[in-house]
Amino acid sequence: MQDRVSMGHVAGAFGVRGWLKVLSGAEPAEALLDYSPWLLLRDGEWKSYKVLDGGVHGKGLVAHLEGVDDRDQAELLRGAEIAVERARLEPLGEGEYYWADLIGLRVVTTQGVELGRIERLMETGANDVLVVRGERERLIPYLRPEVVTAVDLAAGTLQVDWDPEF
């Protein structure tokens, strides 16, 4: 398990004073602003930024980070992944997982058929959906215990009661 949890990415600059447009993966989205510092991944390197201010703007967030004081500096961060140190996150209860911990797990049916790996998750309103990439892409609802029957982070697997033909 990594010591960082991916929480969103920088969509671009907002205004001329160094503010950023942010797409948050937190629930609710503005909860990302409660964590400081942010770790930003740019060109293969992580750098820590203190969050000075931020808020909800449209369907995303805007944020001002220490050391990012003009539009040019903000534009340099476009596309950067935003992560938070795992130690700063709330501990989860039994059977609860951060999406970042599920991404990359091998998905295997209860009959032992490997379907691929979790590429990402989607929020649909009714329930979350696993996007599984193997020989083809599958969308599998994250419904416990009806569909997702077991999660083993140590073994890197997620077991599903799912027809491999579907």
N, C-alpha and C. Protein backbone atom coordinates (compact mmCIF):
# COMPACT_ATOMS: atom_id res chain seq x y z
N MET A 1 0.85 -1.17 0.00
CA MET A 1 0.00 0.00 0.00
C MET A 1 0.90 1.24 0.00
N GLN A 2 0.58 2.18 -0.87
CA GLN A 2 1.39 3.39 -0.97
C GLN A 2 1.15 4.32 0.22
N ASP A 3 2.13 5.18 0.47
CA ASP A 3 1.99 6.14 1.55
C ASP A 3 1.26 7.40 1.09
N ARG A 4 0.87 7.44 -0.20
CA ARG A 4 0.08 8.55 -0.75
C ARG A 4 -1.21 7.99 -1.33
N VAL A 5 -2.27 8.80 -1.27
CA VAL A 5 -3.55 8.43 -1.86
C VAL A 5 -3.92 9.51 -2.87
N SER A 6 -4.13 9.10 -4.11
CA SER A 6 -4.51 10.03 -5.16
C SER A 6 -5.90 10.59 -4.86
N MET A 7 -6.04 11.92 -4.96
CA MET A 7 -7.30 12.58 -4.58
C MET A 7 -7.85 13.49 -5.67
N GLY A 8 -7.18 13.58 -6.83
CA GLY A 8 -7.67 14.44 -7.90
C GLY A 8 -6.54 14.88 -8.79
N HIS A 9 -6.83 15.91 -9.60
CA HIS A 9 -5.78 16.48 -10.44
C HIS A 9 -6.07 17.94 -10.76
N VAL A 10 -5.02 18.64 -11.18
CA VAL A 10 -5.12 20.05 -11.54
C VAL A 10 -5.63 20.14 -12.97
N ALA A 11 -6.75 20.84 -13.16
CA ALA A 11 -7.34 20.98 -14.49
C ALA A 11 -6.77 22.19 -15.24
N GLY A 12 -6.21 23.16 -14.54
CA GLY A 12 -5.64 24.33 -15.19
C GLY A 12 -5.58 25.52 -14.26
N ALA A 13 -5.28 26.67 -14.85
CA ALA A 13 -5.19 27.92 -14.08
C ALA A 13 -6.57 28.54 -13.94
N PHE A 14 -6.76 29.29 -12.86
CA PHE A 14 -8.00 30.03 -12.63
C PHE A 14 -7.62 31.46 -12.29
N GLY A 15 -7.88 32.37 -13.19
CA GLY A 15 -7.53 33.76 -12.96
C GLY A 15 -6.06 34.03 -13.19
N VAL A 16 -5.59 35.16 -12.69
CA VAL A 16 -4.21 35.58 -12.95
C VAL A 16 -3.33 35.58 -11.69
N ARG A 17 -3.90 35.21 -10.54
CA ARG A 17 -3.14 35.29 -9.28
C ARG A 17 -2.64 33.95 -8.77
N GLY A 18 -2.53 32.95 -9.65
CA GLY A 18 -1.95 31.67 -9.26
C GLY A 18 -2.94 30.64 -8.76
N TRP A 19 -4.23 30.93 -8.84
CA TRP A 19 -5.22 29.95 -8.41
C TRP A 19 -5.33 28.83 -9.44
N LEU A 20 -5.74 27.65 -8.96
CA LEU A 20 -5.86 26.46 -9.81
C LEU A 20 -7.29 25.98 -9.88
N LYS A 21 -7.69 25.47 -11.05
CA LYS A 21 -8.94 24.71 -11.18
C LYS A 21 -8.58 23.28 -10.83
N VAL A 22 -9.38 22.65 -9.97
CA VAL A 22 -9.07 21.32 -9.46
C VAL A 22 -10.26 20.39 -9.65
N LEU A 23 -10.00 19.20 -10.16
CA LEU A 23 -11.02 18.15 -10.20
C LEU A 23 -10.72 17.21 -9.05
N SER A 24 -11.63 17.16 -8.10
CA SER A 24 -11.44 16.41 -6.86
C SER A 24 -12.03 15.02 -6.95
N GLY A 25 -11.32 14.06 -6.39
CA GLY A 25 -11.83 12.70 -6.26
C GLY A 25 -12.34 12.42 -4.87
N ALA A 26 -12.37 13.43 -4.01
CA ALA A 26 -12.85 13.26 -2.64
C ALA A 26 -14.38 13.29 -2.63
N GLU A 27 -14.94 12.76 -1.59
CA GLU A 27 -16.40 12.75 -1.43
C GLU A 27 -16.74 13.33 -0.06
N PRO A 28 -17.37 14.49 0.05
CA PRO A 28 -17.71 15.39 -1.04
C PRO A 28 -16.45 16.05 -1.60
N ALA A 29 -16.56 16.60 -2.80
CA ALA A 29 -15.40 17.15 -3.52
C ALA A 29 -14.62 18.15 -2.69
N GLU A 30 -15.31 19.02 -1.96
CA GLU A 30 -14.62 20.08 -1.21
C GLU A 30 -13.83 19.54 -0.02
N ALA A 31 -14.03 18.28 0.34
CA ALA A 31 -13.26 17.69 1.44
C ALA A 31 -11.76 17.69 1.13
N LEU A 32 -11.39 17.71 -0.14
CA LEU A 32 -9.98 17.77 -0.52
C LEU A 32 -9.30 19.00 0.07
N LEU A 33 -10.06 20.08 0.22
CA LEU A 33 -9.49 21.32 0.75
C LEU A 33 -9.14 21.21 2.23
N ASP A 34 -9.65 20.19 2.91
CA ASP A 34 -9.36 20.00 4.33
C ASP A 34 -7.97 19.41 4.57
N TYR A 35 -7.35 18.91 3.51
CA TYR A 35 -6.04 18.27 3.63
C TYR A 35 -4.96 19.20 3.11
N SER A 36 -3.98 19.44 3.92
CA SER A 36 -2.83 20.25 3.52
C SER A 36 -1.63 19.71 4.27
N PRO A 37 -0.52 19.52 3.61
CA PRO A 37 -0.22 19.92 2.25
C PRO A 37 -0.73 18.90 1.22
N TRP A 38 -0.79 19.37 -0.04
CA TRP A 38 -1.04 18.48 -1.17
C TRP A 38 0.30 18.08 -1.76
N LEU A 39 0.36 16.86 -2.24
CA LEU A 39 1.52 16.38 -2.98
C LEU A 39 1.13 16.39 -4.45
N LEU A 40 1.88 17.11 -5.27
CA LEU A 40 1.58 17.18 -6.70
C LEU A 40 2.65 16.44 -7.48
N LEU A 41 2.20 15.59 -8.41
CA LEU A 41 3.11 14.83 -9.26
C LEU A 41 3.18 15.51 -10.62
N ARG A 42 4.36 15.96 -10.95
CA ARG A 42 4.59 16.64 -12.23
C ARG A 42 5.92 16.15 -12.78
N ASP A 43 5.93 15.68 -14.00
CA ASP A 43 7.15 15.19 -14.65
C ASP A 43 7.86 14.13 -13.82
N GLY A 44 7.08 13.22 -13.21
CA GLY A 44 7.64 12.11 -12.46
C GLY A 44 8.16 12.45 -11.08
N GLU A 45 7.93 13.68 -10.62
CA GLU A 45 8.46 14.11 -9.33
C GLU A 45 7.34 14.65 -8.44
N TRP A 46 7.33 14.24 -7.16
CA TRP A 46 6.35 14.73 -6.19
C TRP A 46 6.89 15.96 -5.50
N LYS A 47 6.02 16.97 -5.33
CA LYS A 47 6.40 18.17 -4.60
C LYS A 47 5.24 18.55 -3.67
N SER A 48 5.57 19.00 -2.47
CA SER A 48 4.58 19.35 -1.47
C SER A 48 4.21 20.83 -1.57
N TYR A 49 2.88 21.11 -1.49
CA TYR A 49 2.37 22.48 -1.54
C TYR A 49 1.36 22.68 -0.41
N LYS A 50 1.55 23.73 0.37
CA LYS A 50 0.58 24.09 1.41
C LYS A 50 -0.63 24.74 0.73
N VAL A 51 -1.84 24.33 1.13
CA VAL A 51 -3.07 24.91 0.61
C VAL A 51 -3.37 26.18 1.41
N LEU A 52 -3.38 27.32 0.73
CA LEU A 52 -3.63 28.60 1.39
C LEU A 52 -5.11 28.94 1.45
N ASP A 53 -5.85 28.61 0.39
CA ASP A 53 -7.26 28.96 0.31
C ASP A 53 -7.89 28.12 -0.79
N GLY A 54 -9.22 28.05 -0.77
CA GLY A 54 -9.91 27.32 -1.81
C GLY A 54 -11.40 27.33 -1.59
N GLY A 55 -12.12 26.82 -2.59
CA GLY A 55 -13.56 26.75 -2.48
C GLY A 55 -14.17 26.04 -3.68
N VAL A 56 -15.48 25.85 -3.60
CA VAL A 56 -16.23 25.21 -4.68
C VAL A 56 -16.44 26.24 -5.78
N HIS A 57 -16.26 25.82 -7.02
CA HIS A 57 -16.50 26.70 -8.16
C HIS A 57 -17.06 25.85 -9.30
N GLY A 58 -18.35 26.03 -9.60
CA GLY A 58 -18.99 25.23 -10.64
C GLY A 58 -19.01 23.77 -10.23
N LYS A 59 -18.54 22.89 -11.13
CA LYS A 59 -18.52 21.46 -10.84
C LYS A 59 -17.21 21.01 -10.21
N GLY A 60 -16.32 21.94 -9.97
CA GLY A 60 -15.03 21.58 -9.40
C GLY A 60 -14.66 22.47 -8.24
N LEU A 61 -13.38 22.56 -8.00
CA LEU A 61 -12.84 23.39 -6.94
C LEU A 61 -11.84 24.38 -7.52
N VAL A 62 -11.57 25.42 -6.78
CA VAL A 62 -10.44 26.29 -7.06
C VAL A 62 -9.60 26.33 -5.79
N ALA A 63 -8.30 26.44 -5.97
CA ALA A 63 -7.41 26.44 -4.81
C ALA A 63 -6.21 27.32 -5.09
N HIS A 64 -5.70 27.90 -4.01
CA HIS A 64 -4.48 28.70 -4.09
C HIS A 64 -3.43 28.00 -3.23
N LEU A 65 -2.28 27.69 -3.83
CA LEU A 65 -1.22 26.98 -3.15
C LEU A 65 -0.04 27.92 -2.89
N GLU A 66 0.62 27.70 -1.76
CA GLU A 66 1.80 28.49 -1.42
C GLU A 66 2.86 28.34 -2.51
N GLY A 67 3.41 29.48 -2.96
CA GLY A 67 4.46 29.47 -3.96
C GLY A 67 3.96 29.50 -5.39
N VAL A 68 2.64 29.46 -5.57
CA VAL A 68 2.06 29.56 -6.91
C VAL A 68 1.31 30.89 -6.94
N ASP A 69 1.99 31.92 -7.49
CA ASP A 69 1.49 33.28 -7.33
C ASP A 69 1.04 33.97 -8.61
N ASP A 70 1.18 33.30 -9.77
CA ASP A 70 0.69 33.92 -11.00
C ASP A 70 0.18 32.83 -11.95
N ARG A 71 -0.47 33.28 -13.00
CA ARG A 71 -1.09 32.36 -13.95
C ARG A 71 -0.05 31.42 -14.60
N ASP A 72 1.13 31.95 -14.92
CA ASP A 72 2.15 31.11 -15.56
C ASP A 72 2.57 29.96 -14.65
N GLN A 73 2.75 30.24 -13.36
CA GLN A 73 3.12 29.18 -12.41
C GLN A 73 1.98 28.17 -12.29
N ALA A 74 0.74 28.65 -12.28
CA ALA A 74 -0.42 27.76 -12.19
C ALA A 74 -0.51 26.88 -13.43
N GLU A 75 -0.28 27.44 -14.60
CA GLU A 75 -0.35 26.66 -15.85
C GLU A 75 0.68 25.54 -15.89
N LEU A 76 1.82 25.76 -15.25
CA LEU A 76 2.85 24.72 -15.21
C LEU A 76 2.38 23.48 -14.45
N LEU A 77 1.37 23.64 -13.61
CA LEU A 77 0.85 22.52 -12.81
C LEU A 77 -0.34 21.82 -13.47
N ARG A 78 -0.78 22.31 -14.63
CA ARG A 78 -1.91 21.69 -15.35
C ARG A 78 -1.61 20.20 -15.56
N GLY A 79 -2.60 19.37 -15.21
CA GLY A 79 -2.46 17.92 -15.39
C GLY A 79 -1.79 17.20 -14.23
N ALA A 80 -1.28 17.94 -13.25
CA ALA A 80 -0.59 17.30 -12.12
C ALA A 80 -1.58 16.48 -11.29
N GLU A 81 -1.15 15.30 -10.89
CA GLU A 81 -1.93 14.48 -9.97
C GLU A 81 -1.82 15.08 -8.58
N ILE A 82 -2.93 15.08 -7.84
CA ILE A 82 -2.93 15.57 -6.45
C ILE A 82 -3.09 14.37 -5.54
N ALA A 83 -2.19 14.25 -4.58
CA ALA A 83 -2.28 13.17 -3.59
C ALA A 83 -2.15 13.76 -2.19
N VAL A 84 -2.55 12.95 -1.22
CA VAL A 84 -2.46 13.33 0.19
C VAL A 84 -1.76 12.18 0.90
N GLU A 85 -0.94 12.52 1.89
CA GLU A 85 -0.28 11.47 2.67
C GLU A 85 -1.35 10.63 3.36
N ARG A 86 -1.23 9.32 3.22
CA ARG A 86 -2.21 8.38 3.78
C ARG A 86 -2.41 8.62 5.28
N ALA A 87 -1.36 8.97 5.99
CA ALA A 87 -1.44 9.17 7.44
C ALA A 87 -2.39 10.32 7.80
N ARG A 88 -2.66 11.23 6.86
CA ARG A 88 -3.54 12.37 7.13
C ARG A 88 -5.02 12.03 6.93
N LEU A 89 -5.30 10.88 6.33
CA LEU A 89 -6.68 10.49 6.04
C LEU A 89 -7.32 9.81 7.24
N GLU A 90 -8.65 9.89 7.28
CA GLU A 90 -9.41 9.23 8.34
C GLU A 90 -9.21 7.71 8.24
N PRO A 91 -9.05 7.03 9.37
CA PRO A 91 -8.99 5.57 9.31
C PRO A 91 -10.34 5.02 8.86
N LEU A 92 -10.31 3.94 8.10
CA LEU A 92 -11.54 3.35 7.59
C LEU A 92 -12.00 2.21 8.48
N GLY A 93 -13.29 1.95 8.43
CA GLY A 93 -13.85 0.83 9.18
C GLY A 93 -13.62 -0.49 8.46
N GLU A 94 -13.97 -1.56 9.12
CA GLU A 94 -13.85 -2.91 8.56
C GLU A 94 -14.62 -2.99 7.24
N GLY A 95 -13.96 -3.49 6.21
CA GLY A 95 -14.62 -3.66 4.92
C GLY A 95 -14.76 -2.39 4.09
N GLU A 96 -14.14 -1.29 4.53
CA GLU A 96 -14.15 -0.05 3.77
C GLU A 96 -12.78 0.16 3.14
N TYR A 97 -12.79 0.75 1.92
CA TYR A 97 -11.55 0.92 1.17
C TYR A 97 -11.55 2.26 0.46
N TYR A 98 -10.37 2.85 0.34
CA TYR A 98 -10.23 4.01 -0.54
C TYR A 98 -10.15 3.50 -1.96
N TRP A 99 -10.76 4.23 -2.89
CA TRP A 99 -10.72 3.82 -4.30
C TRP A 99 -9.28 3.58 -4.75
N ALA A 100 -8.37 4.43 -4.31
CA ALA A 100 -6.97 4.30 -4.72
C ALA A 100 -6.40 2.93 -4.35
N ASP A 101 -6.93 2.30 -3.29
CA ASP A 101 -6.43 0.98 -2.88
C ASP A 101 -6.99 -0.13 -3.75
N LEU A 102 -8.13 0.12 -4.40
CA LEU A 102 -8.74 -0.90 -5.26
C LEU A 102 -8.19 -0.88 -6.68
N ILE A 103 -7.75 0.28 -7.13
CA ILE A 103 -7.22 0.39 -8.49
C ILE A 103 -5.98 -0.48 -8.62
N GLY A 104 -5.98 -1.30 -9.67
CA GLY A 104 -4.86 -2.20 -9.92
C GLY A 104 -5.07 -3.61 -9.42
N LEU A 105 -6.09 -3.83 -8.56
CA LEU A 105 -6.34 -5.19 -8.07
C LEU A 105 -6.78 -6.10 -9.22
N ARG A 106 -6.37 -7.36 -9.16
CA ARG A 106 -6.85 -8.37 -10.10
C ARG A 106 -8.27 -8.75 -9.72
N VAL A 107 -9.15 -8.85 -10.70
CA VAL A 107 -10.54 -9.21 -10.46
C VAL A 107 -10.74 -10.65 -10.91
N VAL A 108 -11.21 -11.48 -9.98
CA VAL A 108 -11.38 -12.91 -10.21
C VAL A 108 -12.80 -13.29 -9.81
N THR A 109 -13.45 -14.13 -10.64
CA THR A 109 -14.80 -14.58 -10.30
C THR A 109 -14.75 -15.62 -9.20
N THR A 110 -15.90 -15.90 -8.61
CA THR A 110 -15.98 -16.93 -7.57
C THR A 110 -15.63 -18.31 -8.13
N GLN A 111 -15.69 -18.46 -9.47
CA GLN A 111 -15.30 -19.72 -10.13
C GLN A 111 -13.82 -19.74 -10.52
N GLY A 112 -13.09 -18.66 -10.20
CA GLY A 112 -11.66 -18.61 -10.47
C GLY A 112 -11.26 -18.05 -11.82
N VAL A 113 -12.20 -17.49 -12.57
CA VAL A 113 -11.89 -16.89 -13.88
C VAL A 113 -11.39 -15.47 -13.67
N GLU A 114 -10.19 -15.19 -14.19
CA GLU A 114 -9.63 -13.84 -14.06
C GLU A 114 -10.22 -12.94 -15.15
N LEU A 115 -10.76 -11.79 -14.72
CA LEU A 115 -11.42 -10.87 -15.65
C LEU A 115 -10.53 -9.70 -16.06
N GLY A 116 -9.47 -9.44 -15.30
CA GLY A 116 -8.58 -8.32 -15.59
C GLY A 116 -8.25 -7.57 -14.32
N ARG A 117 -7.87 -6.32 -14.49
CA ARG A 117 -7.50 -5.47 -13.35
C ARG A 117 -8.41 -4.25 -13.29
N ILE A 118 -8.62 -3.75 -12.08
CA ILE A 118 -9.43 -2.54 -11.90
C ILE A 118 -8.62 -1.36 -12.43
N GLU A 119 -9.17 -0.72 -13.45
CA GLU A 119 -8.51 0.43 -14.07
C GLU A 119 -8.90 1.72 -13.36
N ARG A 120 -10.17 1.81 -12.98
CA ARG A 120 -10.68 2.99 -12.28
C ARG A 120 -12.05 2.65 -11.72
N LEU A 121 -12.63 3.57 -10.98
CA LEU A 121 -13.99 3.44 -10.48
C LEU A 121 -14.79 4.64 -10.93
N MET A 122 -16.10 4.44 -11.09
CA MET A 122 -16.99 5.54 -11.47
C MET A 122 -18.11 5.62 -10.46
N GLU A 123 -18.54 6.83 -10.23
CA GLU A 123 -19.69 7.06 -9.36
C GLU A 123 -20.89 7.28 -10.28
N THR A 124 -21.96 6.49 -10.09
CA THR A 124 -23.11 6.60 -10.99
C THR A 124 -24.34 7.17 -10.30
N GLY A 125 -24.29 7.34 -9.01
CA GLY A 125 -25.46 7.81 -8.27
C GLY A 125 -26.11 6.66 -7.54
N ALA A 126 -26.44 5.59 -8.26
CA ALA A 126 -27.05 4.42 -7.62
C ALA A 126 -26.00 3.64 -6.84
N ASN A 127 -24.86 3.40 -7.46
CA ASN A 127 -23.77 2.68 -6.82
C ASN A 127 -22.48 2.96 -7.59
N ASP A 128 -21.35 2.67 -6.97
CA ASP A 128 -20.08 2.81 -7.65
C ASP A 128 -19.91 1.65 -8.62
N VAL A 129 -19.11 1.88 -9.67
CA VAL A 129 -18.89 0.87 -10.70
C VAL A 129 -17.39 0.69 -10.89
N LEU A 130 -16.97 -0.58 -10.92
CA LEU A 130 -15.58 -0.93 -11.21
C LEU A 130 -15.40 -0.98 -12.72
N VAL A 131 -14.38 -0.32 -13.24
CA VAL A 131 -14.02 -0.44 -14.65
C VAL A 131 -12.85 -1.41 -14.69
N VAL A 132 -13.13 -2.61 -15.23
CA VAL A 132 -12.15 -3.70 -15.22
C VAL A 132 -11.64 -3.89 -16.64
N ARG A 133 -10.32 -3.86 -16.81
CA ARG A 133 -9.70 -4.02 -18.13
C ARG A 133 -8.96 -5.35 -18.15
N GLY A 134 -9.39 -6.22 -19.06
CA GLY A 134 -8.74 -7.49 -19.30
C GLY A 134 -8.65 -7.65 -20.80
N GLU A 135 -9.14 -8.80 -21.31
CA GLU A 135 -9.17 -8.95 -22.77
C GLU A 135 -10.18 -7.98 -23.38
N ARG A 136 -11.06 -7.46 -22.53
CA ARG A 136 -11.99 -6.39 -22.91
C ARG A 136 -12.35 -5.61 -21.65
N GLU A 137 -13.06 -4.51 -21.83
CA GLU A 137 -13.47 -3.70 -20.67
C GLU A 137 -14.81 -4.21 -20.15
N ARG A 138 -14.90 -4.32 -18.82
CA ARG A 138 -16.15 -4.69 -18.17
C ARG A 138 -16.50 -3.64 -17.13
N LEU A 139 -17.79 -3.37 -17.00
CA LEU A 139 -18.29 -2.47 -15.96
C LEU A 139 -19.03 -3.34 -14.95
N ILE A 140 -18.51 -3.40 -13.75
CA ILE A 140 -19.06 -4.28 -12.71
C ILE A 140 -19.49 -3.43 -11.53
N PRO A 141 -20.76 -3.53 -11.12
CA PRO A 141 -21.21 -2.72 -9.98
C PRO A 141 -20.50 -3.13 -8.68
N TYR A 142 -20.10 -2.12 -7.91
CA TYR A 142 -19.47 -2.39 -6.63
C TYR A 142 -20.58 -2.52 -5.59
N LEU A 143 -21.15 -3.70 -5.53
CA LEU A 143 -22.23 -4.00 -4.58
C LEU A 143 -21.74 -5.13 -3.68
N ARG A 144 -21.61 -4.81 -2.38
CA ARG A 144 -21.18 -5.82 -1.42
C ARG A 144 -22.36 -6.26 -0.59
N PRO A 145 -22.55 -7.49 -0.34
CA PRO A 145 -21.76 -8.65 -0.76
C PRO A 145 -22.33 -9.34 -2.00
N GLU A 146 -23.35 -8.73 -2.63
CA GLU A 146 -24.04 -9.40 -3.75
C GLU A 146 -23.10 -9.67 -4.93
N VAL A 147 -22.30 -8.68 -5.33
CA VAL A 147 -21.41 -8.84 -6.48
C VAL A 147 -19.96 -8.96 -6.01
N VAL A 148 -19.49 -8.01 -5.23
CA VAL A 148 -18.13 -8.07 -4.69
C VAL A 148 -18.18 -8.91 -3.42
N THR A 149 -17.60 -10.11 -3.52
CA THR A 149 -17.71 -11.05 -2.41
C THR A 149 -16.51 -11.03 -1.47
N ALA A 150 -15.34 -10.57 -1.96
CA ALA A 150 -14.15 -10.54 -1.10
C ALA A 150 -13.14 -9.56 -1.68
N VAL A 151 -12.45 -8.87 -0.78
CA VAL A 151 -11.35 -7.98 -1.16
C VAL A 151 -10.14 -8.40 -0.33
N ASP A 152 -9.03 -8.69 -1.01
CA ASP A 152 -7.81 -9.08 -0.32
C ASP A 152 -6.68 -8.17 -0.82
N LEU A 153 -6.46 -7.06 -0.12
CA LEU A 153 -5.45 -6.11 -0.53
C LEU A 153 -4.06 -6.73 -0.51
N ALA A 154 -3.79 -7.58 0.48
CA ALA A 154 -2.47 -8.20 0.59
C ALA A 154 -2.17 -9.09 -0.61
N ALA A 155 -3.18 -9.81 -1.08
CA ALA A 155 -3.00 -10.69 -2.24
C ALA A 155 -3.20 -9.94 -3.55
N GLY A 156 -3.76 -8.73 -3.48
CA GLY A 156 -3.98 -7.93 -4.68
C GLY A 156 -5.15 -8.40 -5.51
N THR A 157 -6.19 -8.96 -4.84
CA THR A 157 -7.33 -9.49 -5.58
C THR A 157 -8.65 -8.97 -5.03
N LEU A 158 -9.63 -8.93 -5.93
CA LEU A 158 -11.00 -8.61 -5.59
C LEU A 158 -11.84 -9.71 -6.24
N GLN A 159 -12.63 -10.40 -5.45
CA GLN A 159 -13.44 -11.51 -5.95
C GLN A 159 -14.86 -11.04 -6.22
N VAL A 160 -15.41 -11.47 -7.36
CA VAL A 160 -16.77 -11.07 -7.74
C VAL A 160 -17.61 -12.28 -8.12
N ASP A 161 -18.88 -12.19 -7.81
CA ASP A 161 -19.87 -13.17 -8.28
C ASP A 161 -20.42 -12.58 -9.57
N TRP A 162 -19.79 -12.91 -10.69
CA TRP A 162 -20.08 -12.26 -11.97
C TRP A 162 -19.88 -13.24 -13.11
N ASP A 163 -20.78 -13.23 -14.06
CA ASP A 163 -20.69 -14.09 -15.24
C ASP A 163 -19.60 -13.54 -16.17
N PRO A 164 -18.55 -14.32 -16.46
CA PRO A 164 -17.46 -13.83 -17.30
C PRO A 164 -17.92 -13.48 -18.74
N GLU A 165 -19.07 -13.99 -19.14
CA GLU A 165 -19.59 -13.70 -20.49
C GLU A 165 -20.27 -12.33 -20.55
N PHE A 166 -20.57 -11.78 -19.38
CA PHE A 166 -21.29 -10.51 -19.34
C PHE A 166 -20.34 -9.35 -19.33
